[in-house]
Structure formats: structure tokens, C-alpha cells
Amino acid sequence: MFFSIPFLDKPYIVYIKKNVAVYKGKLAELPCKAVGHPGVTMRWLMPNGARIKSDEKFTTASNGSLLIKDVQMGDVRNYTCDTHN
């Protein structure tokens, strides 16, 4: 008789671009890629730690990137890519 014992592999970020340049009014893509087992859930955080929820301004793409539409000077800040499983 064989048993399968699931294991958890804490997710970790394998790629992130720390600085992204974009023209005002354009779309910014902040890439973040992570791996882990049994899968990785990614979320983006504002500088104050608040979770970024998808809306007309921000979207989390299926590849984990944060998309910021119609970038303005007020959008210039440090965003955090956070992972968990």
C-alpha cells in the first residue's frame, strides 16, 4: 500500500523588476513571478501594506504582474509583490 503525503514548498519570488519607467497616461506593467507547491497565490500591496484590489486603475494579470492604467505622478510609489500558498 502506498500513501501520498502532500508537502508544502513555501513560495518564493523568482523574478521581479524593481524599477519600471513609463510615460504619463500610459499603462505600467510591474512584473512579479513566483514558484511554490501546491501553487502560489500572489497579491500586490500599497506602501502602507493595504492590499491592492482590482478596479478601473489596478489589475493583477494572470501572470502575476500588476497593471496600472493611465499612470500619473501620484502613482509613483513602492508597490510590494507578496506570495503565499
Protein backbone atom coordinates (compact mmCIF):
# COMPACT_ATOMS: atom_id res chain seq x y z
CA MET A 1 0.00 0.00 0.00
CA PHE A 2 1.31 3.44 -0.92
CA PHE A 3 0.43 6.74 0.66
CA SER A 4 0.88 10.13 -0.85
CA ILE A 5 1.92 12.76 1.62
CA PRO A 6 1.46 16.28 0.32
CA PHE A 7 4.22 18.73 1.04
CA LEU A 8 4.26 22.47 1.10
CA ASP A 9 7.04 24.35 -0.57
CA LYS A 10 6.96 27.93 0.65
CA PRO A 11 6.57 30.18 -2.38
CA TYR A 12 9.37 32.45 -3.37
CA ILE A 13 9.79 35.15 -5.96
CA VAL A 14 11.94 34.15 -8.93
CA TYR A 15 11.64 37.39 -10.90
CA ILE A 16 10.71 40.95 -10.11
CA LYS A 17 11.65 44.18 -11.83
CA LYS A 18 12.48 46.76 -9.19
CA ASN A 19 12.24 49.87 -11.36
CA VAL A 20 9.74 50.41 -14.15
CA ALA A 21 9.74 53.51 -16.35
CA VAL A 22 6.54 54.54 -18.10
CA TYR A 23 5.17 57.65 -19.76
CA LYS A 24 2.41 59.60 -18.06
CA GLY A 25 -1.01 58.42 -19.20
CA LYS A 26 0.27 55.01 -20.36
CA LEU A 27 -0.08 51.50 -18.95
CA ALA A 28 2.58 50.35 -16.45
CA GLU A 29 3.32 46.65 -16.00
CA LEU A 30 5.17 45.65 -12.83
CA PRO A 31 6.24 42.02 -13.31
CA CYS A 32 6.45 39.52 -10.48
CA LYS A 33 6.86 35.76 -10.89
CA ALA A 34 6.88 33.23 -8.06
CA VAL A 35 7.00 29.46 -7.65
CA GLY A 36 5.91 27.10 -4.88
CA HIS A 37 3.89 23.98 -4.18
CA PRO A 38 0.92 23.37 -4.26
CA GLY A 39 0.65 26.60 -6.17
CA VAL A 40 1.18 30.24 -5.47
CA THR A 41 -1.29 32.97 -4.68
CA MET A 42 0.06 36.41 -5.42
CA ARG A 43 -1.14 39.77 -4.25
CA TRP A 44 0.13 43.31 -4.54
CA LEU A 45 0.34 45.73 -1.63
CA MET A 46 0.43 49.50 -1.37
CA PRO A 47 3.29 51.12 0.59
CA ASN A 48 1.07 51.22 3.71
CA GLY A 49 0.51 47.44 3.46
CA ALA A 50 -3.06 47.67 2.15
CA ARG A 51 -3.93 45.04 -0.43
CA ILE A 52 -4.48 46.35 -3.96
CA LYS A 53 -7.84 45.21 -5.27
CA SER A 54 -8.56 45.09 -8.99
CA ASP A 55 -10.55 48.08 -10.19
CA GLU A 56 -10.51 50.53 -13.09
CA LYS A 57 -6.98 51.67 -12.11
CA PHE A 58 -5.23 48.49 -10.92
CA THR A 59 -5.38 44.92 -12.24
CA THR A 60 -3.40 41.82 -11.34
CA ALA A 61 -2.69 39.95 -14.57
CA SER A 62 -2.84 36.15 -14.79
CA ASN A 63 0.99 36.08 -14.94
CA GLY A 64 1.20 37.92 -11.58
CA SER A 65 2.11 41.34 -12.95
CA LEU A 66 0.47 44.45 -11.54
CA LEU A 67 -1.05 46.60 -14.28
CA ILE A 68 -1.58 50.28 -13.57
CA LYS A 69 -3.71 52.11 -16.12
CA ASP A 70 -3.34 55.78 -17.06
CA VAL A 71 -0.22 56.29 -14.91
CA GLN A 72 0.02 59.68 -13.21
CA MET A 73 2.64 61.23 -10.90
CA GLY A 74 0.53 60.21 -7.88
CA ASP A 75 1.03 56.55 -8.85
CA VAL A 76 4.80 56.77 -8.34
CA ARG A 77 5.47 54.73 -5.19
CA ASN A 78 6.90 51.44 -3.97
CA TYR A 79 4.48 48.56 -4.53
CA THR A 80 5.09 45.13 -2.93
CA CYS A 81 4.56 41.75 -4.55
CA ASP A 82 3.53 39.25 -1.85
CA THR A 83 3.17 35.48 -2.23
CA HIS A 84 1.64 32.64 -0.23
CA ASN A 85 0.15 29.17 -0.76
